[in-house]
Amino acid sequence: GPEVKIFQEACKKNKVYGIFSITGEKHPDGLNPYNTMIMVTDQGEVNYTYRKIFPWVPQEPWTAGHETGVAIGPKGLVVGGVICYDGNMPEVVRDTVMKGAELVVRIQGYMYPAKEQQVKVACVRAWENNCYMAVANMAGRDLVYSYFGHSNIIDFDGSVLGECGTGPDELTYATLSLTAIRDARKHWTAENHLYNLLHRGYTSEPGGHATCPFDFYKTWVNEPRKAAAQVELLTRDADAPEEASGDVVEPPPQSKLVSQTLAAAANGSAAVSKAAN
């Protein structure tokens, strides 16, 4: 559309890459629009489109996207993106990184009182995924919310390279090193969270274990409705809290390991008590 053409012309004229929010992209099937992010190259070409996977609740009416993705950015840097609430879900950034992203860009419109949490989560996502994070947040006020700004750029070790304040007209910048991140991903050990995730226990068994040890994720992939039911046991069984049934939340059964540990502890306490008597 005409907005995208403006962005394309600006990037080509200034010989820069740009990432832009297209809130309200028309859905081809007539459903509610998408909340979309695009990347435009220094030649004015759109080479990346991402649609928000987790629309913010309880207000956003956008249709949910269904996949992450990456594209080649400036000087060969592999870039992926997430939009606002997506960044609160560790799976979105992790999936983007596992597709090759070295920089994950998060565009967001976050308001108070979530400032502390959102500033910290950018550092956590960078650290746990050995990736650069760049966050562009709204600043200032509208008729409803007060936005806290604090856009930032995070190193792949989780440290802050640059950060804005709360003003609406601030900017920041940082140098990102392709050599440094690629070297770290190859040579780091204790902090190489990407390698270590899929090579569990390689310090005792060469090659480690690649199989997923997490029951919830296995269920989510193979039986998504069953996984949703498990979550509903922990939370609620309806979109609107006031429509949810029951007041008592029953926890899932304990794992065998927890049961054995508790039983052993109970037996130990009983033995100590008997000895004391």
Protein backbone atom coordinates (compact mmCIF):
# COMPACT_ATOMS: atom_id res chain seq x y z
CA GLY A 1 0.00 0.00 0.00
CA PRO A 2 0.97 3.69 -0.01
CA GLU A 3 2.48 3.56 3.49
CA VAL A 4 4.85 0.76 2.52
CA LYS A 5 5.90 2.67 -0.60
CA ILE A 6 6.86 5.66 1.56
CA PHE A 7 9.06 3.41 3.70
CA GLN A 8 10.59 1.80 0.63
CA GLU A 9 11.47 5.14 -0.92
CA ALA A 10 12.95 6.41 2.35
CA CYS A 11 15.19 3.35 2.79
CA LYS A 12 16.40 3.44 -0.79
CA LYS A 13 17.07 7.17 -0.71
CA ASN A 14 19.03 6.97 2.54
CA LYS A 15 20.67 3.60 1.74
CA VAL A 16 19.59 2.02 5.01
CA TYR A 17 17.58 -0.96 6.18
CA GLY A 18 14.38 -0.19 8.07
CA ILE A 19 11.91 -2.14 10.19
CA PHE A 20 8.38 -0.82 10.35
CA SER A 21 5.07 -1.56 12.04
CA ILE A 22 2.07 -2.11 9.74
CA THR A 23 -0.73 -2.32 12.28
CA GLY A 24 -3.88 -3.38 10.47
CA GLU A 25 -2.62 -5.41 7.48
CA LYS A 26 -5.66 -6.61 5.54
CA HIS A 27 -6.40 -10.30 5.97
CA PRO A 28 -6.79 -12.12 2.62
CA ASP A 29 -9.76 -14.15 3.92
CA GLY A 30 -11.68 -11.21 5.31
CA LEU A 31 -10.91 -11.93 8.96
CA ASN A 32 -9.69 -9.24 11.35
CA PRO A 33 -6.45 -7.58 10.18
CA TYR A 34 -2.99 -8.69 11.21
CA ASN A 35 -0.54 -6.77 13.36
CA THR A 36 2.47 -6.88 11.06
CA MET A 37 6.15 -6.00 10.92
CA ILE A 38 8.17 -5.61 7.73
CA MET A 39 11.83 -5.09 6.92
CA VAL A 40 12.85 -2.98 3.93
CA THR A 41 16.34 -3.29 2.45
CA ASP A 42 18.66 -0.46 1.44
CA GLN A 43 17.46 -1.09 -2.11
CA GLY A 44 13.86 -0.41 -1.13
CA GLU A 45 12.70 -4.03 -1.27
CA VAL A 46 10.49 -5.68 1.36
CA ASN A 47 12.42 -8.84 2.26
CA TYR A 48 10.70 -9.81 5.51
CA THR A 49 7.15 -9.95 6.84
CA TYR A 50 6.17 -11.10 10.31
CA ARG A 51 2.65 -11.24 11.76
CA LYS A 52 2.18 -11.06 15.50
CA ILE A 53 1.61 -14.53 16.93
CA PHE A 54 0.25 -13.50 20.34
CA PRO A 55 -2.14 -10.53 20.13
CA TRP A 56 -2.25 -8.67 23.43
CA VAL A 57 -5.15 -9.57 25.72
CA PRO A 58 -7.74 -8.57 26.65
CA GLN A 59 -8.01 -5.81 24.03
CA GLU A 60 -6.26 -6.43 20.70
CA PRO A 61 -8.61 -7.63 17.95
CA TRP A 62 -5.90 -8.68 15.47
CA THR A 63 -5.90 -12.12 13.87
CA ALA A 64 -3.02 -14.20 15.22
CA GLY A 65 -0.08 -15.06 13.01
CA HIS A 66 1.24 -18.62 12.99
CA GLU A 67 4.97 -18.66 12.23
CA THR A 68 8.26 -16.96 12.97
CA GLY A 69 10.85 -16.13 10.34
CA VAL A 70 14.15 -14.46 9.50
CA ALA A 71 15.76 -12.54 6.66
CA ILE A 72 19.18 -11.23 5.75
CA GLY A 73 19.76 -7.72 7.09
CA PRO A 74 22.61 -5.22 6.92
CA LYS A 75 26.03 -6.70 6.06
CA GLY A 76 24.70 -10.25 6.24
CA LEU A 77 23.30 -10.05 9.77
CA VAL A 78 20.41 -12.50 10.14
CA VAL A 79 17.39 -10.62 11.47
CA GLY A 80 14.08 -11.78 12.93
CA GLY A 81 11.30 -9.93 14.68
CA VAL A 82 8.65 -10.11 17.37
CA ILE A 83 5.87 -7.67 18.17
CA CYS A 84 5.11 -6.38 21.66
CA TYR A 85 3.45 -9.15 23.72
CA ASP A 86 5.26 -11.82 21.65
CA GLY A 87 8.41 -10.93 23.56
CA ASN A 88 6.88 -12.15 26.82
CA MET A 89 6.68 -15.65 25.37
CA PRO A 90 10.16 -17.23 25.41
CA GLU A 91 9.15 -19.69 22.71
CA VAL A 92 8.70 -16.95 20.06
CA VAL A 93 12.23 -15.56 20.38
CA ARG A 94 13.74 -19.03 20.76
CA ASP A 95 12.03 -20.29 17.59
CA THR A 96 13.19 -17.19 15.70
CA VAL A 97 16.77 -17.72 16.85
CA MET A 98 16.67 -21.40 15.98
CA LYS A 99 15.91 -20.31 12.41
CA GLY A 100 19.19 -18.41 12.42
CA ALA A 101 18.41 -14.97 13.86
CA GLU A 102 21.41 -13.10 15.25
CA LEU A 103 19.40 -9.95 15.90
CA VAL A 104 15.81 -10.07 17.12
CA VAL A 105 13.94 -6.78 16.81
CA ARG A 106 10.99 -6.18 19.12
CA ILE A 107 8.62 -3.35 18.24
CA GLN A 108 6.16 -2.57 21.01
CA GLY A 109 3.79 -0.09 22.56
CA TYR A 110 4.16 -0.93 26.23
CA MET A 111 2.80 1.25 28.96
CA TYR A 112 3.21 1.66 32.69
CA PRO A 113 3.23 -0.18 35.09
CA ALA A 114 5.18 -2.81 33.11
CA LYS A 115 8.38 -0.77 32.70
CA GLU A 116 10.69 -2.77 34.96
CA GLN A 117 9.57 -6.13 33.61
CA GLN A 118 9.79 -5.16 29.93
CA VAL A 119 13.23 -3.56 30.23
CA LYS A 120 14.54 -6.68 31.95
CA VAL A 121 12.92 -9.17 29.61
CA ALA A 122 14.91 -7.80 26.65
CA CYS A 123 18.13 -8.61 28.50
CA VAL A 124 16.88 -12.07 29.44
CA ARG A 125 15.83 -12.93 25.88
CA ALA A 126 19.23 -11.87 24.54
CA TRP A 127 21.10 -13.82 27.21
CA GLU A 128 19.12 -17.06 26.98
CA ASN A 129 19.31 -17.08 23.16
CA ASN A 130 22.85 -15.74 22.62
CA CYS A 131 21.43 -13.07 20.31
CA TYR A 132 21.31 -9.31 19.96
CA MET A 133 17.99 -7.69 20.89
CA ALA A 134 16.80 -4.29 19.70
CA VAL A 135 13.62 -2.94 21.25
CA ALA A 136 11.67 0.05 19.95
CA ASN A 137 9.00 1.10 22.43
CA MET A 138 6.51 3.95 22.35
CA ALA A 139 7.08 6.96 24.59
CA GLY A 140 4.70 9.68 25.76
CA ARG A 141 0.93 9.61 26.21
CA ASP A 142 -2.24 9.11 24.23
CA LEU A 143 -5.85 9.41 25.40
CA VAL A 144 -5.64 6.11 27.29
CA TYR A 145 -2.11 5.07 28.21
CA SER A 146 1.24 6.46 29.32
CA TYR A 147 4.11 4.74 27.49
CA PHE A 148 7.45 4.43 29.25
CA GLY A 149 9.85 4.45 26.29
CA HIS A 150 13.24 2.96 27.27
CA SER A 151 13.93 1.55 23.82
CA ASN A 152 17.19 -0.37 24.04
CA ILE A 153 19.83 -2.43 22.27
CA ILE A 154 21.11 -5.51 24.10
CA ASP A 155 24.32 -7.45 23.55
CA PHE A 156 24.19 -11.21 23.10
CA ASP A 157 25.55 -11.58 26.64
CA GLY A 158 22.53 -9.74 28.05
CA SER A 159 24.27 -6.45 28.77
CA VAL A 160 22.86 -3.11 27.63
CA LEU A 161 24.63 -1.46 24.69
CA GLY A 162 22.34 1.55 24.42
CA GLU A 163 19.10 2.73 26.01
CA CYS A 164 16.76 5.69 25.66
CA GLY A 165 14.91 7.42 28.46
CA THR A 166 11.21 8.21 28.67
CA GLY A 167 11.05 11.05 26.14
CA PRO A 168 9.19 10.60 22.84
CA ASP A 169 11.96 12.03 20.63
CA GLU A 170 14.97 10.07 21.84
CA LEU A 171 17.14 7.64 19.90
CA THR A 172 20.12 5.42 20.56
CA TYR A 173 22.56 3.32 18.56
CA ALA A 174 25.19 0.60 19.01
CA THR A 175 27.72 -1.38 17.02
CA LEU A 176 26.82 -5.05 16.49
CA SER A 177 29.65 -7.43 15.63
CA LEU A 178 29.01 -10.36 13.33
CA THR A 179 32.41 -11.78 14.21
CA ALA A 180 31.79 -11.61 17.95
CA ILE A 181 28.37 -13.28 18.00
CA ARG A 182 29.37 -16.03 15.58
CA ASP A 183 32.57 -16.70 17.51
CA ALA A 184 30.64 -16.85 20.80
CA ARG A 185 28.09 -19.27 19.41
CA LYS A 186 30.91 -21.52 18.26
CA HIS A 187 33.30 -21.35 21.21
CA TRP A 188 31.26 -20.54 24.33
CA THR A 189 30.56 -23.49 26.63
CA ALA A 190 28.78 -22.74 29.95
CA GLU A 191 26.80 -19.84 28.44
CA ASN A 192 26.14 -21.44 25.05
CA HIS A 193 22.45 -21.97 25.76
CA LEU A 194 21.62 -22.90 22.17
CA TYR A 195 24.12 -25.77 21.93
CA ASN A 196 23.52 -26.91 25.48
CA LEU A 197 19.74 -27.14 24.99
CA LEU A 198 20.14 -29.90 22.40
CA HIS A 199 23.20 -31.62 23.89
CA ARG A 200 22.12 -32.23 27.47
CA GLY A 201 24.74 -33.97 29.59
CA TYR A 202 27.50 -34.01 26.98
CA THR A 203 30.00 -33.53 29.81
CA SER A 204 29.35 -37.12 30.89
CA GLU A 205 28.02 -38.66 27.67
CA PRO A 206 29.70 -37.47 24.44
CA GLY A 207 27.17 -35.78 22.19
CA GLY A 208 24.64 -35.54 24.99
CA HIS A 209 20.89 -35.96 24.58
CA ALA A 210 18.89 -34.23 21.86
CA THR A 211 15.48 -35.61 22.79
CA CYS A 212 13.04 -33.20 24.40
CA PRO A 213 12.70 -33.93 28.14
CA PHE A 214 9.70 -31.67 28.67
CA ASP A 215 6.33 -33.42 28.92
CA PHE A 216 4.34 -30.25 28.33
CA TYR A 217 6.03 -29.53 25.00
CA LYS A 218 5.59 -33.12 23.86
CA THR A 219 1.89 -32.90 24.64
CA TRP A 220 1.58 -29.48 22.99
CA VAL A 221 3.02 -30.80 19.72
CA ASN A 222 1.19 -34.13 19.65
CA GLU A 223 -2.07 -33.33 21.46
CA PRO A 224 -2.59 -29.54 21.51
CA ARG A 225 -6.12 -29.68 22.92
CA LYS A 226 -4.90 -31.87 25.78
CA ALA A 227 -2.13 -29.34 26.48
CA ALA A 228 -4.71 -26.54 26.47
CA ALA A 229 -6.80 -28.50 28.95
CA GLN A 230 -3.78 -28.85 31.24
CA VAL A 231 -3.26 -25.09 31.14
CA GLU A 232 -6.95 -24.52 31.84
CA LEU A 233 -6.61 -26.62 35.00
CA LEU A 234 -3.91 -24.21 36.15
CA THR A 235 -5.75 -21.06 35.07
CA ARG A 236 -9.33 -20.99 33.78
CA ASP A 237 -11.54 -22.69 31.20
CA ALA A 238 -12.95 -19.64 29.36
CA ASP A 239 -11.56 -16.60 27.56
CA ALA A 240 -13.38 -14.20 29.88
CA PRO A 241 -12.52 -14.74 33.58
CA GLU A 242 -16.12 -14.05 34.64
CA GLU A 243 -17.32 -16.90 32.41
CA ALA A 244 -14.93 -19.47 33.83
CA SER A 245 -16.41 -22.37 35.78
CA GLY A 246 -15.57 -23.27 39.35
CA ASP A 247 -13.46 -21.56 41.97
CA VAL A 248 -11.20 -24.47 42.89
CA VAL A 249 -8.11 -25.04 40.78
CA GLU A 250 -6.98 -28.66 40.97
CA PRO A 251 -3.22 -29.08 40.40
CA PRO A 252 -1.96 -31.79 38.06
CA PRO A 253 -0.72 -35.01 39.69
CA GLN A 254 2.80 -34.93 41.08
CA SER A 255 5.61 -36.45 39.08
CA LYS A 256 7.09 -39.74 40.28
CA LEU A 257 10.29 -37.96 41.26
CA VAL A 258 8.44 -35.46 43.47
CA SER A 259 6.34 -38.23 45.03
CA GLN A 260 9.41 -40.33 45.79
CA THR A 261 11.25 -37.34 47.23
CA LEU A 262 8.35 -36.40 49.50
CA ALA A 263 7.91 -40.01 50.62
CA ALA A 264 11.62 -40.30 51.43
CA ALA A 265 11.50 -37.04 53.37
CA ALA A 266 8.44 -38.22 55.30
CA ASN A 267 10.11 -41.53 56.16
CA GLY A 268 13.22 -39.70 57.30
CA SER A 269 11.20 -37.41 59.56
CA ALA A 270 9.38 -40.39 61.02
CA ALA A 271 12.66 -42.14 61.75
CA VAL A 272 14.09 -39.09 63.47
CA SER A 273 10.92 -38.68 65.53
CA LYS A 274 10.99 -42.33 66.61
CA ALA A 275 14.65 -42.06 67.60
CA ALA A 276 13.93 -38.96 69.64
CA ASN A 277 11.19 -40.74 71.54
